[in-house]
C-alpha atoms as a PDB file:
ATOM      1  CA  UNK A   1       8.275   0.491 -23.217  1.00  0.00           C
ATOM      2  CA  UNK A   2       6.003  -1.880 -21.293  1.00  0.00           C
ATOM      3  CA  UNK A   3       8.697  -4.574 -21.368  1.00  0.00           C
ATOM      4  CA  UNK A   4      11.212  -2.121 -19.924  1.00  0.00           C
ATOM      5  CA  UNK A   5       8.847  -1.212 -17.079  1.00  0.00           C
ATOM      6  CA  UNK A   6       7.994  -4.841 -16.302  1.00  0.00           C
ATOM      7  CA  UNK A   7      11.684  -5.783 -16.264  1.00  0.00           C
ATOM      8  CA  UNK A   8      12.400  -2.907 -13.877  1.00  0.00           C
ATOM      9  CA  UNK A   9       9.560  -3.914 -11.527  1.00  0.00           C
ATOM     10  CA  UNK A  10      10.645  -7.555 -11.479  1.00  0.00           C
ATOM     11  CA  UNK A  11      14.284  -6.685 -10.814  1.00  0.00           C
ATOM     12  CA  UNK A  12      13.400  -4.347  -7.932  1.00  0.00           C
ATOM     13  CA  UNK A  13      10.935  -6.684  -6.195  1.00  0.00           C
ATOM     14  CA  UNK A  14      13.120  -9.790  -6.616  1.00  0.00           C
ATOM     15  CA  UNK A  15      16.209  -8.002  -5.300  1.00  0.00           C
ATOM     16  CA  UNK A  16      14.264  -6.648  -2.331  1.00  0.00           C
ATOM     17  CA  UNK A  17      12.910 -10.115  -1.562  1.00  0.00           C
ATOM     18  CA  UNK A  18      16.389 -11.687  -1.686  1.00  0.00           C
ATOM     19  CA  UNK A  19      18.105  -9.031   0.432  1.00  0.00           C
ATOM     20  CA  UNK A  20      15.373  -7.960   2.847  1.00  0.00           C
ATOM     21  CA  UNK A  21      13.330 -11.155   2.963  1.00  0.00           C
ATOM     22  CA  UNK A  22       9.714 -11.232   4.051  1.00  0.00           C
ATOM     23  CA  UNK A  23       8.340 -10.601   7.514  1.00  0.00           C
ATOM     24  CA  UNK A  24       5.862 -13.001   9.024  1.00  0.00           C
ATOM     25  CA  UNK A  25       2.468 -11.339   8.931  1.00  0.00           C
ATOM     26  CA  UNK A  26       0.548 -11.226  12.213  1.00  0.00           C
ATOM     27  CA  UNK A  27      -2.972  -9.945  12.777  1.00  0.00           C
ATOM     28  CA  UNK A  28      -2.236  -8.748  16.312  1.00  0.00           C
ATOM     29  CA  UNK A  29       0.774  -6.421  16.661  1.00  0.00           C
ATOM     30  CA  UNK A  30       1.636  -7.562  20.179  1.00  0.00           C
ATOM     31  CA  UNK A  31       2.249 -11.168  19.105  1.00  0.00           C
ATOM     32  CA  UNK A  32       5.987 -11.854  19.388  1.00  0.00           C
ATOM     33  CA  UNK A  33       8.128 -14.361  17.504  1.00  0.00           C
ATOM     34  CA  UNK A  34       8.388 -16.512  20.656  1.00  0.00           C
ATOM     35  CA  UNK A  35       4.602 -16.705  20.902  1.00  0.00           C
ATOM     36  CA  UNK A  36       4.344 -17.698  17.249  1.00  0.00           C
ATOM     37  CA  UNK A  37       6.859 -20.481  17.873  1.00  0.00           C
ATOM     38  CA  UNK A  38       4.757 -21.667  20.819  1.00  0.00           C
ATOM     39  CA  UNK A  39       1.700 -21.736  18.543  1.00  0.00           C
ATOM     40  CA  UNK A  40       3.590 -23.948  16.110  1.00  0.00           C
ATOM     41  CA  UNK A  41       4.595 -26.238  18.982  1.00  0.00           C
ATOM     42  CA  UNK A  42       0.985 -26.424  20.178  1.00  0.00           C
ATOM     43  CA  UNK A  43      -0.174 -27.290  16.659  1.00  0.00           C
ATOM     44  CA  UNK A  44       2.333 -30.153  16.515  1.00  0.00           C
ATOM     45  CA  UNK A  45       1.182 -31.439  19.905  1.00  0.00           C
ATOM     46  CA  UNK A  46      -2.410 -31.417  18.699  1.00  0.00           C
ATOM     47  CA  UNK A  47      -1.497 -33.711  15.809  1.00  0.00           C
ATOM     48  CA  UNK A  48       0.144 -36.284  18.083  1.00  0.00           C
ATOM     49  CA  UNK A  49      -1.527 -39.311  19.585  1.00  0.00           C
ATOM     50  CA  UNK A  50      -4.130 -38.322  22.181  1.00  0.00           C
ATOM     51  CA  UNK A  51      -2.744 -40.177  25.202  1.00  0.00           C
ATOM     52  CA  UNK A  52      -2.723 -38.776  28.743  1.00  0.00           C
ATOM     53  CA  UNK A  53       0.774 -37.301  28.433  1.00  0.00           C
ATOM     54  CA  UNK A  54      -0.007 -35.734  25.059  1.00  0.00           C
ATOM     55  CA  UNK A  55      -3.161 -34.094  26.411  1.00  0.00           C
ATOM     56  CA  UNK A  56      -1.228 -32.750  29.415  1.00  0.00           C
ATOM     57  CA  UNK A  57       1.487 -31.257  27.193  1.00  0.00           C
ATOM     58  CA  UNK A  58      -1.096 -29.670  24.903  1.00  0.00           C
ATOM     59  CA  UNK A  59      -2.973 -28.082  27.803  1.00  0.00           C
ATOM     60  CA  UNK A  60       0.291 -26.800  29.290  1.00  0.00           C
ATOM     61  CA  UNK A  61       1.313 -25.248  25.955  1.00  0.00           C
ATOM     62  CA  UNK A  62      -2.144 -23.742  25.535  1.00  0.00           C
ATOM     63  CA  UNK A  63      -2.011 -22.178  29.003  1.00  0.00           C
ATOM     64  CA  UNK A  64       1.481 -20.810  28.353  1.00  0.00           C
ATOM     65  CA  UNK A  65       0.269 -19.167  25.136  1.00  0.00           C
ATOM     66  CA  UNK A  66      -2.744 -17.570  26.850  1.00  0.00           C
ATOM     67  CA  UNK A  67      -0.606 -16.123  29.639  1.00  0.00           C
ATOM     68  CA  UNK A  68       2.038 -14.978  27.148  1.00  0.00           C
ATOM     69  CA  UNK A  69      -0.568 -13.289  24.946  1.00  0.00           C
ATOM     70  CA  UNK A  70      -2.058 -11.424  27.896  1.00  0.00           C
ATOM     71  CA  UNK A  71       1.343 -10.232  29.102  1.00  0.00           C
ATOM     72  CA  UNK A  72       2.527  -9.265  25.600  1.00  0.00           C
ATOM     73  CA  UNK A  73      -0.657  -7.271  24.962  1.00  0.00           C
ATOM     74  CA  UNK A  74      -0.235  -5.277  28.177  1.00  0.00           C
ATOM     75  CA  UNK A  75       3.398  -4.503  27.312  1.00  0.00           C
ATOM     76  CA  UNK A  76       2.373  -3.400  23.803  1.00  0.00           C
ATOM     77  CA  UNK A  77      -0.374  -1.113  25.142  1.00  0.00           C
ATOM     78  CA  UNK A  78       2.060   0.499  27.596  1.00  0.00           C
ATOM     79  CA  UNK A  79       4.577   1.059  24.785  1.00  0.00           C
ATOM     80  CA  UNK A  80       1.891   2.595  22.569  1.00  0.00           C
ATOM     81  CA  UNK A  81       0.782   4.937  25.346  1.00  0.00           C
ATOM     82  CA  UNK A  82       4.382   5.995  25.917  1.00  0.00           C
ATOM     83  CA  UNK A  83       4.830   6.633  22.183  1.00  0.00           C
ATOM     84  CA  UNK A  84       1.653   8.747  22.158  1.00  0.00           C
ATOM     85  CA  UNK A  85       2.908  10.778  25.098  1.00  0.00           C
ATOM     86  CA  UNK A  86       6.304  11.307  23.440  1.00  0.00           C
ATOM     87  CA  UNK A  87       4.665  12.358  20.158  1.00  0.00           C
ATOM     88  CA  UNK A  88       2.453  14.867  21.937  1.00  0.00           C
ATOM     89  CA  UNK A  89       5.478  16.378  23.683  1.00  0.00           C
ATOM     90  CA  UNK A  90       7.161  16.785  20.281  1.00  0.00           C
ATOM     91  CA  UNK A  91       3.964  18.294  18.780  1.00  0.00           C
ATOM     92  CA  UNK A  92       3.902  15.532  16.165  1.00  0.00           C
ATOM     93  CA  UNK A  93       0.146  15.536  15.601  1.00  0.00           C
ATOM     94  CA  UNK A  94       0.265  13.182  12.603  1.00  0.00           C
ATOM     95  CA  UNK A  95       2.068  10.424  14.501  1.00  0.00           C
ATOM     96  CA  UNK A  96      -0.078  10.989  17.590  1.00  0.00           C
ATOM     97  CA  UNK A  97      -3.285  10.621  15.578  1.00  0.00           C
ATOM     98  CA  UNK A  98      -2.030   7.451  13.886  1.00  0.00           C
ATOM     99  CA  UNK A  99      -0.976   5.861  17.198  1.00  0.00           C
ATOM    100  CA  UNK A 100      -4.319   6.665  18.829  1.00  0.00           C
ATOM    101  CA  UNK A 101      -6.135   5.288  15.792  1.00  0.00           C
ATOM    102  CA  UNK A 102      -4.118   2.041  15.880  1.00  0.00           C
ATOM    103  CA  UNK A 103      -4.786   1.664  19.598  1.00  0.00           C
ATOM    104  CA  UNK A 104      -8.510   2.422  19.683  1.00  0.00           C
ATOM    105  CA  UNK A 105     -10.013   1.730  16.263  1.00  0.00           C
ATOM    106  CA  UNK A 106     -11.906  -1.453  15.496  1.00  0.00           C
ATOM    107  CA  UNK A 107     -12.296  -2.962  12.068  1.00  0.00           C
ATOM    108  CA  UNK A 108     -15.716  -2.542  10.524  1.00  0.00           C
ATOM    109  CA  UNK A 109     -17.335  -5.619   9.096  1.00  0.00           C
ATOM    110  CA  UNK A 110     -17.565  -5.848   5.331  1.00  0.00           C
ATOM    111  CA  UNK A 111     -20.456  -7.146   3.326  1.00  0.00           C
ATOM    112  CA  UNK A 112     -19.886  -9.857   0.737  1.00  0.00           C
ATOM    113  CA  UNK A 113     -22.638  -8.563  -1.541  1.00  0.00           C
ATOM    114  CA  UNK A 114     -23.174  -5.373  -3.539  1.00  0.00           C
ATOM    115  CA  UNK A 115     -26.294  -3.894  -5.125  1.00  0.00           C
ATOM    116  CA  UNK A 116     -26.215  -2.814  -8.756  1.00  0.00           C
ATOM    117  CA  UNK A 117     -27.863   0.336 -10.137  1.00  0.00           C
ATOM    118  CA  UNK A 118     -31.215  -1.456 -10.310  1.00  0.00           C
ATOM    119  CA  UNK A 119     -31.074  -2.509  -6.647  1.00  0.00           C
ATOM    120  CA  UNK A 120     -30.365  -6.143  -7.491  1.00  0.00           C
ATOM    121  CA  UNK A 121     -28.183  -7.922  -4.933  1.00  0.00           C
ATOM    122  CA  UNK A 122     -25.012  -9.316  -6.528  1.00  0.00           C
ATOM    123  CA  UNK A 123     -23.253 -12.310  -4.963  1.00  0.00           C
ATOM    124  CA  UNK A 124     -20.961 -13.595  -7.719  1.00  0.00           C
ATOM    125  CA  UNK A 125     -17.415 -12.219  -7.654  1.00  0.00           C
ATOM    126  CA  UNK A 126     -17.374 -11.322 -11.356  1.00  0.00           C
ATOM    127  CA  UNK A 127     -20.672  -9.430 -11.061  1.00  0.00           C
ATOM    128  CA  UNK A 128     -19.416  -7.530  -8.007  1.00  0.00           C
ATOM    129  CA  UNK A 129     -16.171  -6.574  -9.767  1.00  0.00           C
ATOM    130  CA  UNK A 130     -18.128  -5.422 -12.815  1.00  0.00           C
ATOM    131  CA  UNK A 131     -20.373  -3.267 -10.632  1.00  0.00           C
ATOM    132  CA  UNK A 132     -17.345  -1.679  -8.948  1.00  0.00           C
ATOM    133  CA  UNK A 133     -15.720  -1.096 -12.332  1.00  0.00           C
ATOM    134  CA  UNK A 134     -18.806   0.717 -13.615  1.00  0.00           C
ATOM    135  CA  UNK A 135     -19.050   2.815 -10.448  1.00  0.00           C
ATOM    136  CA  UNK A 136     -15.366   3.837 -10.485  1.00  0.00           C
ATOM    137  CA  UNK A 137     -15.496   4.602 -14.217  1.00  0.00           C
ATOM    138  CA  UNK A 138     -18.433   6.921 -13.648  1.00  0.00           C
ATOM    139  CA  UNK A 139     -16.741   8.440 -10.598  1.00  0.00           C
ATOM    140  CA  UNK A 140     -13.362   9.223 -12.172  1.00  0.00           C
ATOM    141  CA  UNK A 141     -14.061   9.569 -15.896  1.00  0.00           C
ATOM    142  CA  UNK A 142     -15.726  12.963 -16.002  1.00  0.00           C
ATOM    143  CA  UNK A 143     -15.369  15.762 -18.499  1.00  0.00           C
ATOM    144  CA  UNK A 144     -13.841  18.843 -16.959  1.00  0.00           C
ATOM    145  CA  UNK A 145     -14.619  22.280 -18.339  1.00  0.00           C
ATOM    146  CA  UNK A 146     -12.270  25.215 -18.006  1.00  0.00           C
ATOM    147  CA  UNK A 147     -11.337  28.631 -19.273  1.00  0.00           C
ATOM    148  CA  UNK A 148      -9.834  28.301 -22.791  1.00  0.00           C
ATOM    149  CA  UNK A 149      -7.357  31.056 -21.959  1.00  0.00           C
ATOM    150  CA  UNK A 150      -6.058  29.048 -19.009  1.00  0.00           C
ATOM    151  CA  UNK A 151      -5.879  25.830 -21.020  1.00  0.00           C
ATOM    152  CA  UNK A 152      -3.873  27.345 -23.875  1.00  0.00           C
ATOM    153  CA  UNK A 153      -0.576  25.506 -24.306  1.00  0.00           C
ATOM    154  CA  UNK A 154       2.465  27.826 -24.198  1.00  0.00           C
ATOM    155  CA  UNK A 155       4.845  27.690 -27.163  1.00  0.00           C
ATOM    156  CA  UNK A 156       7.687  25.194 -27.014  1.00  0.00           C
ATOM    157  CA  UNK A 157      11.173  26.392 -26.125  1.00  0.00           C
ATOM    158  CA  UNK A 158      14.633  24.945 -26.617  1.00  0.00           C
ATOM    159  CA  UNK A 159      14.579  23.869 -22.973  1.00  0.00           C
ATOM    160  CA  UNK A 160      11.710  21.497 -23.734  1.00  0.00           C
ATOM    161  CA  UNK A 161      14.033  19.433 -25.934  1.00  0.00           C
ATOM    162  CA  UNK A 162      16.664  18.875 -23.278  1.00  0.00           C
ATOM    163  CA  UNK A 163      16.936  15.275 -22.069  1.00  0.00           C
ATOM    164  CA  UNK A 164      16.013  14.545 -18.490  1.00  0.00           C
ATOM    165  CA  UNK A 165      18.989  15.044 -16.216  1.00  0.00           C
ATOM    166  CA  UNK A 166      20.219  12.741 -13.491  1.00  0.00           C
ATOM    167  CA  UNK A 167      19.807  15.552 -10.963  1.00  0.00           C
ATOM    168  CA  UNK A 168      16.109  15.809 -11.841  1.00  0.00           C
ATOM    169  CA  UNK A 169      15.578  12.105 -11.180  1.00  0.00           C
ATOM    170  CA  UNK A 170      17.506  12.260  -7.904  1.00  0.00           C
ATOM    171  CA  UNK A 171      15.439  15.219  -6.699  1.00  0.00           C
ATOM    172  CA  UNK A 172      12.158  13.534  -7.685  1.00  0.00           C
ATOM    173  CA  UNK A 173      13.053  10.272  -5.918  1.00  0.00           C
ATOM    174  CA  UNK A 174      14.160  12.136  -2.805  1.00  0.00           C
ATOM    175  CA  UNK A 175      10.872  14.073  -2.663  1.00  0.00           C
ATOM    176  CA  UNK A 176       8.702  10.930  -2.618  1.00  0.00           C
ATOM    177  CA  UNK A 177       6.771  10.560   0.630  1.00  0.00           C
ATOM    178  CA  UNK A 178       7.578   7.586   2.833  1.00  0.00           C
ATOM    179  CA  UNK A 179       4.995   5.315   4.385  1.00  0.00           C
ATOM    180  CA  UNK A 180       2.676   5.297   1.364  1.00  0.00           C
ATOM    181  CA  UNK A 181       1.205   2.069  -0.005  1.00  0.00           C
ATOM    182  CA  UNK A 182       2.642   0.803  -3.286  1.00  0.00           C
ATOM    183  CA  UNK A 183       0.647   0.560  -6.484  1.00  0.00           C
ATOM    184  CA  UNK A 184      -0.024  -2.491  -8.632  1.00  0.00           C
ATOM    185  CA  UNK A 185       3.723  -2.920  -9.295  1.00  0.00           C
ATOM    186  CA  UNK A 186       4.429  -3.386  -5.558  1.00  0.00           C
ATOM    187  CA  UNK A 187       7.387  -0.958  -5.651  1.00  0.00           C
ATOM    188  CA  UNK A 188       7.244   1.420  -2.650  1.00  0.00           C
ATOM    189  CA  UNK A 189       9.052   4.745  -2.447  1.00  0.00           C
ATOM    190  CA  UNK A 190      11.411   3.435   0.229  1.00  0.00           C
ATOM    191  CA  UNK A 191      12.884   0.847  -2.160  1.00  0.00           C
ATOM    192  CA  UNK A 192      13.661   3.489  -4.770  1.00  0.00           C
ATOM    193  CA  UNK A 193      15.206   5.801  -2.200  1.00  0.00           C
ATOM    194  CA  UNK A 194      17.403   2.973  -0.900  1.00  0.00           C
ATOM    195  CA  UNK A 195      18.381   1.741  -4.371  1.00  0.00           C
ATOM    196  CA  UNK A 196      21.421   3.970  -4.738  1.00  0.00           C
ATOM    197  CA  UNK A 197      23.094   4.833  -8.041  1.00  0.00           C
ATOM    198  CA  UNK A 198      21.798   1.724  -9.812  1.00  0.00           C
ATOM    199  CA  UNK A 199      18.204   2.724  -9.073  1.00  0.00           C
ATOM    200  CA  UNK A 200      18.744   6.298 -10.276  1.00  0.00           C
ATOM    201  CA  UNK A 201      20.383   5.040 -13.489  1.00  0.00           C
ATOM    202  CA  UNK A 202      17.474   2.686 -14.219  1.00  0.00           C
ATOM    203  CA  UNK A 203      14.882   5.398 -13.606  1.00  0.00           C
ATOM    204  CA  UNK A 204      16.881   7.870 -15.703  1.00  0.00           C
ATOM    205  CA  UNK A 205      16.824   5.431 -18.631  1.00  0.00           C
ATOM    206  CA  UNK A 206      13.067   4.903 -18.282  1.00  0.00           C
ATOM    207  CA  UNK A 207      12.260   8.614 -17.959  1.00  0.00           C
ATOM    208  CA  UNK A 208      14.360   9.591 -20.990  1.00  0.00           C
ATOM    209  CA  UNK A 209      12.785   6.799 -23.025  1.00  0.00           C
ATOM    210  CA  UNK A 210       9.345   8.194 -22.203  1.00  0.00           C
ATOM    211  CA  UNK A 211      10.553  11.741 -22.939  1.00  0.00           C
ATOM    212  CA  UNK A 212      11.930  10.755 -26.343  1.00  0.00           C
ATOM    213  CA  UNK A 213       9.029   8.591 -27.514  1.00  0.00           C
ATOM    214  CA  UNK A 214       6.138  10.442 -25.873  1.00  0.00           C
ATOM    215  CA  UNK A 215       4.716   7.045 -24.943  1.00  0.00           C
ATOM    216  CA  UNK A 216       3.350   6.549 -21.432  1.00  0.00           C
ATOM    217  CA  UNK A 217       3.814   2.941 -20.198  1.00  0.00           C
ATOM    218  CA  UNK A 218       0.649   0.880 -19.885  1.00  0.00           C
ATOM    219  CA  UNK A 219       1.568  -0.449 -16.389  1.00  0.00           C
ATOM    220  CA  UNK A 220       1.721   3.168 -15.208  1.00  0.00           C
ATOM    221  CA  UNK A 221      -1.879   3.750 -16.316  1.00  0.00           C
ATOM    222  CA  UNK A 222      -3.099   1.055 -13.929  1.00  0.00           C
ATOM    223  CA  UNK A 223      -3.936   1.689 -10.286  1.00  0.00           C
ATOM    224  CA  UNK A 224      -5.322  -0.220  -7.328  1.00  0.00           C
ATOM    225  CA  UNK A 225      -8.667   0.969  -5.990  1.00  0.00           C
ATOM    226  CA  UNK A 226      -9.058   0.513  -2.229  1.00  0.00           C
ATOM    227  CA  UNK A 227     -12.571   0.813  -0.793  1.00  0.00           C
ATOM    228  CA  UNK A 228     -13.088   2.054   2.773  1.00  0.00           C
ATOM    229  CA  UNK A 229     -16.590   1.738   4.271  1.00  0.00           C
ATOM    230  CA  UNK A 230     -18.416   4.853   5.441  1.00  0.00           C
ATOM    231  CA  UNK A 231     -21.795   5.108   7.153  1.00  0.00           C
ATOM    232  CA  UNK A 232     -24.980   3.751   5.664  1.00  0.00           C
ATOM    233  CA  UNK A 233     -25.879   0.671   3.660  1.00  0.00           C
ATOM    234  CA  UNK A 234     -22.600  -1.065   2.781  1.00  0.00           C
ATOM    235  CA  UNK A 235     -24.261  -2.851  -0.130  1.00  0.00           C
ATOM    236  CA  UNK A 236     -24.186   0.457  -2.022  1.00  0.00           C
ATOM    237  CA  UNK A 237     -20.939   1.453  -3.740  1.00  0.00           C
ATOM    238  CA  UNK A 238     -21.479   5.144  -2.988  1.00  0.00           C
ATOM    239  CA  UNK A 239     -21.224   4.404   0.737  1.00  0.00           C
ATOM    240  CA  UNK A 240     -17.530   3.611   0.349  1.00  0.00           C
ATOM    241  CA  UNK A 241     -14.605   5.999   0.114  1.00  0.00           C
ATOM    242  CA  UNK A 242     -12.235   5.028  -2.692  1.00  0.00           C
ATOM    243  CA  UNK A 243      -8.469   5.485  -2.657  1.00  0.00           C
ATOM    244  CA  UNK A 244      -6.450   5.067  -5.849  1.00  0.00           C
ATOM    245  CA  UNK A 245      -2.908   3.712  -5.438  1.00  0.00           C
ATOM    246  CA  UNK A 246      -0.738   4.596  -8.437  1.00  0.00           C
ATOM    247  CA  UNK A 247       2.767   3.414  -9.286  1.00  0.00           C
ATOM    248  CA  UNK A 248       5.497   5.166  -7.280  1.00  0.00           C
ATOM    249  CA  UNK A 249       8.010   5.001 -10.176  1.00  0.00           C
ATOM    250  CA  UNK A 250       5.453   6.857 -12.313  1.00  0.00           C
ATOM    251  CA  UNK A 251       5.409   9.627  -9.696  1.00  0.00           C
ATOM    252  CA  UNK A 252       9.092  10.269 -10.440  1.00  0.00           C
ATOM    253  CA  UNK A 253       8.304  11.094 -14.069  1.00  0.00           C
ATOM    254  CA  UNK A 254       5.229  13.102 -13.077  1.00  0.00           C
ATOM    255  CA  UNK A 255       7.260  15.206 -10.638  1.00  0.00           C
ATOM    256  CA  UNK A 256       9.889  15.889 -13.304  1.00  0.00           C
ATOM    257  CA  UNK A 257       7.231  16.997 -15.794  1.00  0.00           C
ATOM    258  CA  UNK A 258       5.577  19.198 -13.175  1.00  0.00           C
ATOM    259  CA  UNK A 259       8.864  20.884 -12.300  1.00  0.00           C
ATOM    260  CA  UNK A 260       9.499  21.615 -15.985  1.00  0.00           C
ATOM    261  CA  UNK A 261       6.225  23.466 -16.462  1.00  0.00           C
END
């Protein structure tokens, strides 16, 4: 089962990389491709021999980049403000909030050390990871108590033995939310929704294999934990908000199981 999942993940990510390619990552959203090319040109000029002409060309390129950055930033801010205004007119509060957040928020500095339960300051990467692992295990692995009457499992019916249908997979894939970060497998919902019949067939095979064997794939039990700083001492794990990113393909099977309850 794990081999099947790993093969699926590799095929999807490799195909996406070949067809879609990879976008150049920039820290500032207003930086255009032309400005990046100018930065490359300036870097090449800096490596050349430092004669009078070389220094003049470098300074000219540097000045051009500064002016271009300033102009591009102003254009980007105006576009963002226009998008915010348009979103407000359409009563799209979610998009409006996100645009305002992108425009006004500043990144909070992160500490490179963490304190353990005894208050000892940890600096080594392995010790920090171990401390986070212990904290997350304690946070998520709790024993829930409930009403035995509610937890009683209903008797099985003939419907429970039916194989998973293609229509169920299609509906589950279609219902996945866009714009959500991928899990450890790096397969976002958008790739599955754009995969067409081949994607549905692959997911149908995986889901029916799980249904028949009752075995949940190991890669689908793994998730990425993202830590977002809150207020207070950032050397304490409890002063971070944790977000768990699970595999999007696993959500397809989970949605099918939920709909069958």
